């Protein structure tokens, strides 16, 4: 039984094909999590929200994601080619309540935030995070050598600084707040602050 049940007020979701977004030929839903497609830049990406997150919170998280994607979409014409190229590397979004803040899967290109990260982030910051983590993917994909060499070049403090510089470059286009801009500048100038976080990221 799909744990994502019908809406008791509207009857929404109450049909036999809802588990596959009303298109079971195209979509599967092995664990009952909330799944939908979002218009992300010039493509559609899949968004998954874990079924371990309570249903009312799933709806709130969906709204947060949609707002962040909307900010990115609206700003794309004002982004640098590097920032836009980085953002385009993101292939999907999976929200997990057991993830470490946020990271990107280097193998799949999926952006993985946890619930705290989404709740703490403004839509503008979330949009900039797509660019940030997309830069990690860019570093991974453009580094020659084996998987170990690619991973070493795309993670760690040096890679974080590179990603934050691209994120900072997009600040005006994304209307980041003065506090958000100040944070980026502070960490870029003192990247050792990131070491404890980097060591925890999968």
N, C-alpha and C. Protein backbone atom coordinates (compact mmCIF):
# COMPACT_ATOMS: atom_id res chain seq x y z
N UNK A 1 0.85 -1.20 0.00
CA UNK A 1 0.00 0.00 0.00
C UNK A 1 0.88 1.25 0.00
N UNK A 2 0.53 2.19 -0.84
CA UNK A 2 1.30 3.44 -0.93
C UNK A 2 1.05 4.28 0.31
N UNK A 3 2.11 4.64 1.06
CA UNK A 3 1.91 5.45 2.27
C UNK A 3 1.50 6.88 1.97
N UNK A 4 1.64 7.32 0.72
CA UNK A 4 1.13 8.64 0.35
C UNK A 4 -0.34 8.47 0.00
N UNK A 5 -1.21 8.77 0.94
CA UNK A 5 -2.63 8.45 0.81
C UNK A 5 -3.40 9.56 0.10
N UNK A 6 -4.66 9.27 -0.18
CA UNK A 6 -5.53 10.26 -0.80
C UNK A 6 -5.76 11.44 0.14
N UNK A 7 -5.97 12.61 -0.46
CA UNK A 7 -6.26 13.81 0.32
C UNK A 7 -7.67 13.69 0.89
N UNK A 8 -7.78 13.71 2.22
CA UNK A 8 -9.08 13.50 2.87
C UNK A 8 -10.07 14.63 2.59
N UNK A 9 -9.57 15.81 2.23
CA UNK A 9 -10.46 16.96 1.99
C UNK A 9 -10.95 17.05 0.55
N UNK A 10 -10.07 16.76 -0.38
CA UNK A 10 -10.43 16.96 -1.79
C UNK A 10 -10.60 15.66 -2.56
N UNK A 11 -10.12 14.55 -1.98
CA UNK A 11 -10.15 13.29 -2.73
C UNK A 11 -9.01 13.18 -3.72
N UNK A 12 -8.14 14.20 -3.75
CA UNK A 12 -6.99 14.15 -4.65
C UNK A 12 -6.13 12.94 -4.38
N UNK A 13 -5.47 12.43 -5.39
CA UNK A 13 -4.59 11.25 -5.34
C UNK A 13 -5.39 9.95 -5.38
N UNK A 14 -6.74 10.03 -5.40
CA UNK A 14 -7.53 8.81 -5.26
C UNK A 14 -7.81 8.20 -6.63
N UNK A 15 -6.79 7.57 -7.19
CA UNK A 15 -6.99 6.75 -8.38
C UNK A 15 -5.85 5.75 -8.47
N UNK A 16 -6.06 4.71 -9.21
CA UNK A 16 -5.13 3.59 -9.18
C UNK A 16 -3.77 3.90 -9.79
N UNK A 17 -3.66 4.98 -10.56
CA UNK A 17 -2.39 5.27 -11.22
C UNK A 17 -1.62 6.41 -10.54
N UNK A 18 -2.14 6.95 -9.43
CA UNK A 18 -1.48 8.09 -8.81
C UNK A 18 -0.06 7.74 -8.36
N UNK A 19 0.17 6.48 -7.99
CA UNK A 19 1.50 6.09 -7.52
C UNK A 19 2.58 6.40 -8.55
N UNK A 20 2.20 6.47 -9.81
CA UNK A 20 3.16 6.77 -10.87
C UNK A 20 2.87 8.09 -11.54
N UNK A 21 2.47 9.09 -10.76
CA UNK A 21 2.15 10.42 -11.31
C UNK A 21 1.15 10.34 -12.46
N UNK A 22 0.20 9.41 -12.34
CA UNK A 22 -0.82 9.18 -13.37
C UNK A 22 -0.21 8.75 -14.70
N UNK A 23 1.03 8.28 -14.66
CA UNK A 23 1.69 7.83 -15.89
C UNK A 23 2.64 6.69 -15.53
N UNK A 24 2.10 5.50 -15.21
CA UNK A 24 2.96 4.41 -14.75
C UNK A 24 3.87 3.85 -15.84
N UNK A 25 3.64 4.22 -17.09
CA UNK A 25 4.59 3.81 -18.15
C UNK A 25 5.90 4.59 -18.02
N UNK A 26 5.81 5.83 -17.53
CA UNK A 26 6.98 6.70 -17.44
C UNK A 26 7.58 6.74 -16.04
N UNK A 27 6.74 6.65 -15.00
CA UNK A 27 7.22 6.83 -13.63
C UNK A 27 6.99 5.56 -12.81
N UNK A 28 7.89 5.32 -11.86
CA UNK A 28 7.69 4.28 -10.87
C UNK A 28 7.76 4.92 -9.49
N UNK A 29 7.21 4.22 -8.52
CA UNK A 29 7.17 4.78 -7.15
C UNK A 29 7.38 3.64 -6.17
N UNK A 30 8.61 3.11 -6.08
CA UNK A 30 8.83 1.91 -5.27
C UNK A 30 8.64 2.09 -3.78
N UNK A 31 8.76 3.32 -3.26
CA UNK A 31 8.66 3.48 -1.80
C UNK A 31 7.57 4.44 -1.36
N UNK A 32 6.73 4.89 -2.26
CA UNK A 32 5.61 5.71 -1.87
C UNK A 32 5.94 7.14 -1.56
N UNK A 33 7.13 7.60 -1.89
CA UNK A 33 7.50 8.98 -1.59
C UNK A 33 6.83 9.92 -2.58
N UNK A 34 6.78 11.19 -2.22
CA UNK A 34 6.23 12.20 -3.10
C UNK A 34 7.20 12.42 -4.26
N UNK A 35 6.72 12.26 -5.47
CA UNK A 35 7.55 12.38 -6.66
C UNK A 35 6.84 13.23 -7.68
N UNK A 36 7.56 14.16 -8.28
CA UNK A 36 6.96 14.98 -9.33
C UNK A 36 8.05 15.53 -10.22
N UNK A 37 7.66 16.13 -11.32
CA UNK A 37 8.61 16.77 -12.23
C UNK A 37 8.56 18.28 -12.04
N UNK A 38 9.72 18.90 -12.06
CA UNK A 38 9.81 20.36 -11.96
C UNK A 38 10.47 20.89 -13.22
N UNK A 39 9.97 22.01 -13.71
CA UNK A 39 10.60 22.68 -14.85
C UNK A 39 11.82 23.43 -14.34
N UNK A 40 13.00 22.92 -14.66
CA UNK A 40 14.26 23.43 -14.14
C UNK A 40 15.09 23.92 -15.31
N UNK A 41 15.25 25.25 -15.41
CA UNK A 41 15.91 25.86 -16.55
C UNK A 41 15.23 25.36 -17.83
N UNK A 42 15.94 24.70 -18.71
CA UNK A 42 15.32 24.30 -19.98
C UNK A 42 15.03 22.81 -20.05
N UNK A 43 14.83 22.20 -18.89
CA UNK A 43 14.57 20.76 -18.86
C UNK A 43 13.64 20.43 -17.70
N UNK A 44 13.11 19.24 -17.73
CA UNK A 44 12.32 18.74 -16.61
C UNK A 44 13.20 17.83 -15.77
N UNK A 45 13.16 18.01 -14.45
CA UNK A 45 13.90 17.12 -13.57
C UNK A 45 12.95 16.48 -12.58
N UNK A 46 13.32 15.30 -12.11
CA UNK A 46 12.51 14.61 -11.11
C UNK A 46 12.86 15.12 -9.72
N UNK A 47 11.84 15.32 -8.92
CA UNK A 47 12.01 15.69 -7.51
C UNK A 47 11.38 14.58 -6.68
N UNK A 48 12.14 14.06 -5.72
CA UNK A 48 11.65 13.02 -4.81
C UNK A 48 11.71 13.56 -3.39
N UNK A 49 10.67 13.33 -2.63
CA UNK A 49 10.68 13.68 -1.21
C UNK A 49 10.39 12.39 -0.44
N UNK A 50 11.30 12.03 0.44
CA UNK A 50 11.25 10.74 1.12
C UNK A 50 9.92 10.52 1.83
N UNK A 51 9.43 9.27 1.79
CA UNK A 51 8.17 8.95 2.45
C UNK A 51 8.33 8.87 3.96
N UNK A 52 9.58 8.96 4.47
CA UNK A 52 9.77 8.99 5.92
C UNK A 52 9.46 10.36 6.50
N UNK A 53 9.25 11.35 5.63
CA UNK A 53 8.89 12.70 6.06
C UNK A 53 7.37 12.79 6.11
N UNK A 54 6.78 13.28 7.19
CA UNK A 54 5.32 13.35 7.31
C UNK A 54 4.70 14.10 6.12
N UNK A 55 3.52 13.65 5.72
CA UNK A 55 2.88 14.19 4.52
C UNK A 55 2.70 15.71 4.57
N UNK A 56 2.21 16.31 5.67
CA UNK A 56 2.08 17.77 5.68
C UNK A 56 3.41 18.48 5.44
N UNK A 57 4.49 17.92 5.99
CA UNK A 57 5.81 18.52 5.79
C UNK A 57 6.28 18.33 4.35
N UNK A 58 5.91 17.21 3.74
CA UNK A 58 6.26 17.00 2.33
C UNK A 58 5.74 18.14 1.47
N UNK A 59 4.50 18.55 1.72
CA UNK A 59 3.90 19.63 0.93
C UNK A 59 4.65 20.94 1.14
N UNK A 60 5.08 21.21 2.37
CA UNK A 60 5.84 22.42 2.66
C UNK A 60 7.19 22.40 1.97
N UNK A 61 7.84 21.23 1.99
CA UNK A 61 9.15 21.10 1.34
C UNK A 61 9.03 21.24 -0.17
N UNK A 62 7.96 20.69 -0.72
CA UNK A 62 7.72 20.85 -2.16
C UNK A 62 7.61 22.33 -2.52
N UNK A 63 6.89 23.08 -1.70
CA UNK A 63 6.74 24.52 -1.95
C UNK A 63 8.08 25.24 -1.89
N UNK A 64 8.94 24.84 -0.93
CA UNK A 64 10.26 25.44 -0.82
C UNK A 64 11.10 25.15 -2.06
N UNK A 65 11.07 23.92 -2.51
CA UNK A 65 11.84 23.54 -3.70
C UNK A 65 11.33 24.31 -4.91
N UNK A 66 10.03 24.35 -5.07
CA UNK A 66 9.44 25.05 -6.23
C UNK A 66 9.82 26.53 -6.23
N UNK A 67 9.87 27.15 -5.06
CA UNK A 67 10.26 28.56 -4.97
C UNK A 67 11.72 28.75 -5.39
N UNK A 68 12.60 27.86 -4.91
CA UNK A 68 14.00 27.95 -5.27
C UNK A 68 14.24 27.75 -6.75
N UNK A 69 13.55 26.78 -7.33
CA UNK A 69 13.67 26.53 -8.77
C UNK A 69 13.15 27.72 -9.55
N UNK A 70 12.06 28.32 -9.07
CA UNK A 70 11.48 29.49 -9.74
C UNK A 70 12.45 30.67 -9.75
N UNK A 71 13.13 30.89 -8.62
CA UNK A 71 14.13 31.97 -8.55
C UNK A 71 15.23 31.74 -9.58
N UNK A 72 15.71 30.51 -9.67
CA UNK A 72 16.75 30.19 -10.64
C UNK A 72 16.26 30.40 -12.06
N UNK A 73 15.07 29.90 -12.35
CA UNK A 73 14.51 30.05 -13.70
C UNK A 73 14.37 31.52 -14.09
N UNK A 74 13.88 32.34 -13.17
CA UNK A 74 13.67 33.76 -13.46
C UNK A 74 14.99 34.51 -13.66
N UNK A 75 16.06 34.01 -13.03
CA UNK A 75 17.34 34.72 -13.08
C UNK A 75 18.26 34.26 -14.20
N UNK A 76 17.88 33.20 -14.91
CA UNK A 76 18.84 32.55 -15.81
C UNK A 76 19.43 33.48 -16.86
N UNK A 77 18.66 34.45 -17.36
CA UNK A 77 19.18 35.34 -18.39
C UNK A 77 20.25 36.28 -17.85
N UNK A 78 20.30 36.46 -16.54
CA UNK A 78 21.27 37.37 -15.93
C UNK A 78 22.46 36.64 -15.31
N UNK A 79 22.49 35.32 -15.43
CA UNK A 79 23.59 34.54 -14.87
C UNK A 79 24.75 34.47 -15.85
N UNK A 80 25.95 34.37 -15.32
CA UNK A 80 27.12 34.16 -16.18
C UNK A 80 27.04 32.79 -16.82
N UNK A 81 27.78 32.60 -17.88
CA UNK A 81 27.77 31.29 -18.56
C UNK A 81 28.30 30.21 -17.62
N UNK A 82 29.25 30.56 -16.75
CA UNK A 82 29.79 29.57 -15.82
C UNK A 82 28.72 29.17 -14.80
N UNK A 83 28.00 30.14 -14.24
CA UNK A 83 26.97 29.84 -13.25
C UNK A 83 25.82 29.06 -13.88
N UNK A 84 25.41 29.46 -15.07
CA UNK A 84 24.31 28.77 -15.74
C UNK A 84 24.73 27.36 -16.12
N UNK A 85 25.96 27.21 -16.60
CA UNK A 85 26.45 25.87 -16.94
C UNK A 85 26.51 24.97 -15.73
N UNK A 86 26.93 25.53 -14.60
CA UNK A 86 26.98 24.74 -13.37
C UNK A 86 25.58 24.32 -12.93
N UNK A 87 24.64 25.27 -12.94
CA UNK A 87 23.26 24.96 -12.53
C UNK A 87 22.66 23.87 -13.41
N UNK A 88 23.01 23.89 -14.69
CA UNK A 88 22.46 22.90 -15.62
C UNK A 88 22.97 21.49 -15.37
N UNK A 89 24.01 21.35 -14.57
CA UNK A 89 24.55 20.02 -14.27
C UNK A 89 23.62 19.23 -13.34
N UNK A 90 22.78 19.94 -12.58
CA UNK A 90 21.87 19.26 -11.65
C UNK A 90 20.82 18.48 -12.45
N UNK A 91 20.69 17.19 -12.16
CA UNK A 91 19.77 16.32 -12.90
C UNK A 91 18.51 15.94 -12.13
N UNK A 92 18.48 16.26 -10.86
CA UNK A 92 17.32 15.90 -10.05
C UNK A 92 17.51 16.39 -8.62
N UNK A 93 16.47 16.25 -7.83
CA UNK A 93 16.50 16.65 -6.42
C UNK A 93 15.86 15.54 -5.59
N UNK A 94 16.54 15.12 -4.56
CA UNK A 94 15.99 14.12 -3.63
C UNK A 94 16.11 14.65 -2.21
N UNK A 95 14.98 14.85 -1.55
CA UNK A 95 14.97 15.36 -0.18
C UNK A 95 14.97 14.17 0.78
N UNK A 96 15.96 14.16 1.67
CA UNK A 96 16.07 13.09 2.65
C UNK A 96 16.22 13.69 4.04
N UNK A 97 15.51 13.14 5.01
CA UNK A 97 15.63 13.67 6.36
C UNK A 97 16.87 13.15 7.07
N UNK A 98 17.58 12.18 6.45
CA UNK A 98 18.80 11.65 7.07
C UNK A 98 20.06 12.12 6.36
N UNK A 99 19.93 13.06 5.42
CA UNK A 99 21.09 13.57 4.70
C UNK A 99 21.86 14.56 5.57
N UNK A 100 23.13 14.81 5.20
CA UNK A 100 23.96 15.78 5.92
C UNK A 100 23.82 17.15 5.27
N UNK A 101 22.89 17.97 5.77
CA UNK A 101 22.61 19.31 5.23
C UNK A 101 22.28 19.24 3.74
N UNK A 102 23.29 19.39 2.87
CA UNK A 102 23.04 19.24 1.44
C UNK A 102 24.34 18.84 0.77
N UNK A 103 24.20 18.08 -0.29
CA UNK A 103 25.34 17.69 -1.10
C UNK A 103 24.82 17.28 -2.48
N UNK A 104 25.72 16.97 -3.38
CA UNK A 104 25.32 16.50 -4.70
C UNK A 104 25.95 15.14 -4.94
N UNK A 105 25.19 14.23 -5.50
CA UNK A 105 25.73 12.92 -5.86
C UNK A 105 26.56 13.07 -7.12
N UNK A 106 27.85 12.80 -7.03
CA UNK A 106 28.74 12.98 -8.17
C UNK A 106 28.44 11.97 -9.27
N UNK A 107 27.86 10.83 -8.93
CA UNK A 107 27.58 9.81 -9.93
C UNK A 107 26.29 10.07 -10.70
N UNK A 108 25.29 10.64 -10.02
CA UNK A 108 23.99 10.82 -10.67
C UNK A 108 23.64 12.27 -10.98
N UNK A 109 24.34 13.22 -10.35
CA UNK A 109 24.01 14.64 -10.56
C UNK A 109 22.78 15.08 -9.79
N UNK A 110 22.36 14.31 -8.78
CA UNK A 110 21.17 14.63 -8.00
C UNK A 110 21.57 15.45 -6.78
N UNK A 111 20.88 16.56 -6.59
CA UNK A 111 21.07 17.44 -5.45
C UNK A 111 20.28 16.87 -4.27
N UNK A 112 20.96 16.67 -3.12
CA UNK A 112 20.33 16.00 -1.99
C UNK A 112 20.37 16.92 -0.76
N UNK A 113 19.29 17.64 -0.49
CA UNK A 113 19.20 18.44 0.73
C UNK A 113 18.43 17.69 1.80
N UNK A 114 18.67 18.04 3.06
CA UNK A 114 17.80 17.49 4.10
C UNK A 114 16.74 18.53 4.48
N UNK A 115 15.85 18.16 5.36
CA UNK A 115 14.73 19.03 5.70
C UNK A 115 15.20 20.31 6.40
N UNK A 116 16.21 20.18 7.27
CA UNK A 116 16.72 21.38 7.97
C UNK A 116 17.29 22.39 6.98
N UNK A 117 18.05 21.90 6.01
CA UNK A 117 18.64 22.80 5.02
C UNK A 117 17.56 23.56 4.27
N UNK A 118 16.52 22.85 3.84
CA UNK A 118 15.45 23.51 3.09
C UNK A 118 14.70 24.51 3.97
N UNK A 119 14.43 24.13 5.20
CA UNK A 119 13.70 25.03 6.08
C UNK A 119 14.51 26.26 6.47
N UNK A 120 15.84 26.11 6.50
CA UNK A 120 16.71 27.23 6.87
C UNK A 120 17.05 28.14 5.69
N UNK A 121 16.82 27.67 4.47
CA UNK A 121 17.27 28.40 3.28
C UNK A 121 16.17 29.28 2.70
N UNK A 122 16.55 30.47 2.29
CA UNK A 122 15.62 31.29 1.51
C UNK A 122 15.55 30.69 0.10
N UNK A 123 14.50 30.99 -0.67
CA UNK A 123 14.44 30.50 -2.05
C UNK A 123 15.67 30.95 -2.86
N UNK A 124 16.16 32.15 -2.58
CA UNK A 124 17.31 32.68 -3.30
C UNK A 124 18.57 31.88 -2.97
N UNK A 125 18.73 31.55 -1.68
CA UNK A 125 19.89 30.75 -1.27
C UNK A 125 19.82 29.36 -1.88
N UNK A 126 18.63 28.77 -1.91
CA UNK A 126 18.47 27.45 -2.51
C UNK A 126 18.86 27.49 -3.98
N UNK A 127 18.41 28.51 -4.69
CA UNK A 127 18.78 28.65 -6.10
C UNK A 127 20.29 28.74 -6.27
N UNK A 128 20.94 29.49 -5.37
CA UNK A 128 22.41 29.61 -5.45
C UNK A 128 23.08 28.29 -5.10
N UNK A 129 22.43 27.48 -4.28
CA UNK A 129 22.99 26.18 -3.91
C UNK A 129 23.00 25.22 -5.09
N UNK A 130 22.01 25.34 -5.98
CA UNK A 130 22.03 24.53 -7.20
C UNK A 130 23.28 24.86 -8.01
N UNK A 131 23.60 26.13 -8.09
CA UNK A 131 24.79 26.57 -8.83
C UNK A 131 26.05 26.06 -8.13
N UNK A 132 26.09 26.22 -6.81
CA UNK A 132 27.24 25.77 -6.02
C UNK A 132 27.53 24.29 -6.25
N UNK A 133 26.50 23.46 -6.06
CA UNK A 133 26.72 22.02 -6.19
C UNK A 133 26.89 21.61 -7.64
N UNK A 134 26.29 22.35 -8.55
CA UNK A 134 26.53 22.09 -9.97
C UNK A 134 27.98 22.30 -10.34
N UNK A 135 28.63 23.27 -9.67
CA UNK A 135 30.06 23.50 -9.92
C UNK A 135 30.89 22.30 -9.47
N UNK A 136 30.49 21.67 -8.35
CA UNK A 136 31.17 20.45 -7.93
C UNK A 136 31.07 19.37 -9.02
N UNK A 137 29.89 19.25 -9.60
CA UNK A 137 29.71 18.29 -10.69
C UNK A 137 30.57 18.64 -11.89
N UNK A 138 30.64 19.93 -12.19
CA UNK A 138 31.46 20.39 -13.32
C UNK A 138 32.92 20.03 -13.09
N UNK A 139 33.42 20.27 -11.88
CA UNK A 139 34.80 19.93 -11.56
C UNK A 139 35.04 18.42 -11.68
N UNK A 140 34.06 17.64 -11.25
CA UNK A 140 34.17 16.18 -11.32
C UNK A 140 34.20 15.71 -12.78
N UNK A 141 33.29 16.24 -13.57
CA UNK A 141 33.16 15.76 -14.94
C UNK A 141 34.27 16.23 -15.86
N UNK A 142 34.90 17.34 -15.54
CA UNK A 142 35.94 17.88 -16.43
C UNK A 142 37.36 17.51 -15.98
N UNK A 143 37.48 16.79 -14.89
CA UNK A 143 38.80 16.38 -14.41
C UNK A 143 39.21 15.08 -15.10
N UNK A 144 40.38 15.06 -15.73
CA UNK A 144 40.84 13.81 -16.36
C UNK A 144 41.29 12.82 -15.31
N UNK A 145 41.30 11.56 -15.67
CA UNK A 145 41.78 10.54 -14.75
C UNK A 145 40.68 9.62 -14.27
N UNK A 146 41.01 8.80 -13.29
CA UNK A 146 40.05 7.83 -12.77
C UNK A 146 39.10 8.48 -11.77
N UNK A 147 38.21 7.68 -11.23
CA UNK A 147 37.19 8.20 -10.33
C UNK A 147 37.81 8.86 -9.10
N UNK A 148 38.88 8.28 -8.59
CA UNK A 148 39.52 8.85 -7.40
C UNK A 148 40.07 10.24 -7.69
N UNK A 149 40.72 10.40 -8.83
CA UNK A 149 41.26 11.71 -9.22
C UNK A 149 40.14 12.72 -9.39
N UNK A 150 39.06 12.29 -10.02
CA UNK A 150 37.93 13.18 -10.24
C UNK A 150 37.31 13.62 -8.91
N UNK A 151 37.14 12.67 -8.00
CA UNK A 151 36.55 13.00 -6.70
C UNK A 151 37.44 13.94 -5.91
N UNK A 152 38.74 13.69 -5.94
CA UNK A 152 39.66 14.55 -5.20
C UNK A 152 39.62 15.99 -5.72
N UNK A 153 39.44 16.14 -7.03
CA UNK A 153 39.43 17.48 -7.62
C UNK A 153 38.12 18.21 -7.39
N UNK A 154 37.07 17.48 -7.09
CA UNK A 154 35.74 18.10 -6.99
C UNK A 154 35.24 18.24 -5.56
N UNK A 155 36.00 17.71 -4.60
CA UNK A 155 35.62 17.84 -3.20
C UNK A 155 36.79 18.48 -2.44
N UNK A 156 36.60 18.72 -1.18
CA UNK A 156 37.66 19.34 -0.40
C UNK A 156 37.58 20.85 -0.40
N UNK A 157 38.46 21.46 0.34
CA UNK A 157 38.39 22.91 0.57
C UNK A 157 38.58 23.70 -0.72
N UNK A 158 39.55 23.32 -1.55
CA UNK A 158 39.79 24.07 -2.78
C UNK A 158 38.57 24.06 -3.69
N UNK A 159 37.93 22.90 -3.80
CA UNK A 159 36.73 22.81 -4.63
C UNK A 159 35.59 23.62 -4.02
N UNK A 160 35.47 23.62 -2.69
CA UNK A 160 34.42 24.40 -2.04
C UNK A 160 34.60 25.89 -2.33
N UNK A 161 35.83 26.36 -2.28
CA UNK A 161 36.08 27.77 -2.55
C UNK A 161 35.71 28.11 -4.00
N UNK A 162 36.07 27.24 -4.92
CA UNK A 162 35.71 27.47 -6.33
C UNK A 162 34.20 27.54 -6.50
N UNK A 163 33.49 26.62 -5.84
CA UNK A 163 32.03 26.59 -5.95
C UNK A 163 31.42 27.83 -5.31
N UNK A 164 31.98 28.26 -4.18
CA UNK A 164 31.44 29.44 -3.51
C UNK A 164 31.70 30.72 -4.30
N UNK A 165 32.81 30.77 -5.01
CA UNK A 165 33.08 31.94 -5.84
C UNK A 165 32.07 32.06 -6.98
N UNK A 166 31.71 30.94 -7.57
CA UNK A 166 30.68 30.97 -8.62
C UNK A 166 29.33 31.34 -8.02
N UNK A 167 29.04 30.81 -6.84
CA UNK A 167 27.82 31.13 -6.11
C UNK A 167 27.76 32.62 -5.80
N UNK A 168 28.88 33.18 -5.34
CA UNK A 168 28.94 34.60 -5.03
C UNK A 168 28.78 35.45 -6.29
N UNK A 169 29.33 34.98 -7.39
CA UNK A 169 29.19 35.70 -8.65
C UNK A 169 27.75 35.80 -9.12
N UNK A 170 26.92 34.86 -8.66
CA UNK A 170 25.50 34.86 -9.04
C UNK A 170 24.63 35.61 -8.04
N UNK A 171 25.26 36.20 -7.02
CA UNK A 171 24.50 36.82 -5.92
C UNK A 171 23.55 37.91 -6.40
N UNK A 172 24.03 38.77 -7.28
CA UNK A 172 23.20 39.89 -7.74
C UNK A 172 22.02 39.38 -8.56
N UNK A 173 22.28 38.46 -9.48
CA UNK A 173 21.21 37.92 -10.32
C UNK A 173 20.14 37.21 -9.50
N UNK A 174 20.56 36.58 -8.41
CA UNK A 174 19.63 35.82 -7.57
C UNK A 174 19.09 36.63 -6.40
N UNK A 175 19.54 37.88 -6.27
CA UNK A 175 19.11 38.77 -5.18
C UNK A 175 19.37 38.16 -3.81
N UNK A 176 20.59 37.63 -3.62
CA UNK A 176 20.95 37.13 -2.29
C UNK A 176 20.97 38.29 -1.30
N UNK A 177 20.63 37.99 -0.07
CA UNK A 177 20.58 39.02 0.97
C UNK A 177 22.00 39.44 1.35
N UNK A 178 22.16 40.62 1.96
CA UNK A 178 23.49 41.03 2.44
C UNK A 178 24.11 40.01 3.39
N UNK A 179 23.28 39.39 4.21
CA UNK A 179 23.80 38.37 5.15
C UNK A 179 24.35 37.17 4.40
N UNK A 180 23.63 36.74 3.36
CA UNK A 180 24.08 35.59 2.56
C UNK A 180 25.37 35.91 1.81
N UNK A 181 25.44 37.12 1.25
CA UNK A 181 26.64 37.55 0.54
C UNK A 181 27.82 37.63 1.51
N UNK A 182 27.59 38.19 2.69
CA UNK A 182 28.63 38.32 3.69
C UNK A 182 29.17 36.96 4.11
N UNK A 183 28.27 35.99 4.26
CA UNK A 183 28.69 34.63 4.63
C UNK A 183 29.61 34.05 3.56
N UNK A 184 29.24 34.18 2.30
CA UNK A 184 30.07 33.65 1.23
C UNK A 184 31.45 34.30 1.22
N UNK A 185 31.48 35.60 1.36
CA UNK A 185 32.76 36.31 1.37
C UNK A 185 33.63 35.88 2.55
N UNK A 186 33.00 35.70 3.69
CA UNK A 186 33.73 35.31 4.90
C UNK A 186 34.36 33.93 4.72
N UNK A 187 33.58 32.99 4.19
CA UNK A 187 34.10 31.62 4.05
C UNK A 187 35.16 31.55 2.95
N UNK A 188 34.96 32.30 1.87
CA UNK A 188 35.96 32.30 0.80
C UNK A 188 37.30 32.81 1.32
N UNK A 189 37.26 33.78 2.21
CA UNK A 189 38.50 34.34 2.75
C UNK A 189 39.06 33.50 3.91
N UNK A 190 38.25 32.62 4.47
CA UNK A 190 38.69 31.78 5.58
C UNK A 190 38.09 30.38 5.43
N UNK A 191 38.52 29.67 4.38
CA UNK A 191 37.87 28.39 4.03
C UNK A 191 38.06 27.28 5.05
N UNK A 192 39.00 27.43 5.99
CA UNK A 192 39.18 26.39 7.00
C UNK A 192 37.91 26.16 7.82
N UNK A 193 37.02 27.16 7.81
CA UNK A 193 35.74 27.01 8.51
C UNK A 193 34.94 25.83 7.96
N UNK A 194 35.21 25.47 6.72
CA UNK A 194 34.43 24.43 6.06
C UNK A 194 34.94 23.02 6.34
N UNK A 195 36.10 22.91 6.96
CA UNK A 195 36.72 21.59 7.05
C UNK A 195 35.85 20.57 7.77
N UNK A 196 35.27 20.95 8.90
CA UNK A 196 34.47 19.98 9.65
C UNK A 196 33.24 19.55 8.85
N UNK A 197 32.67 20.46 8.08
CA UNK A 197 31.51 20.11 7.25
C UNK A 197 31.91 19.18 6.12
N UNK A 198 33.00 19.51 5.45
CA UNK A 198 33.46 18.69 4.32
C UNK A 198 33.73 17.26 4.73
N UNK A 199 34.32 17.09 5.92
CA UNK A 199 34.64 15.75 6.39
C UNK A 199 33.40 14.89 6.63
N UNK A 200 32.24 15.53 6.81
CA UNK A 200 31.01 14.79 7.08
C UNK A 200 30.21 14.45 5.83
N UNK A 201 30.48 15.17 4.74
CA UNK A 201 29.67 15.00 3.53
C UNK A 201 30.00 13.67 2.88
N UNK A 202 28.98 12.92 2.43
CA UNK A 202 29.23 11.60 1.81
C UNK A 202 30.11 11.72 0.58
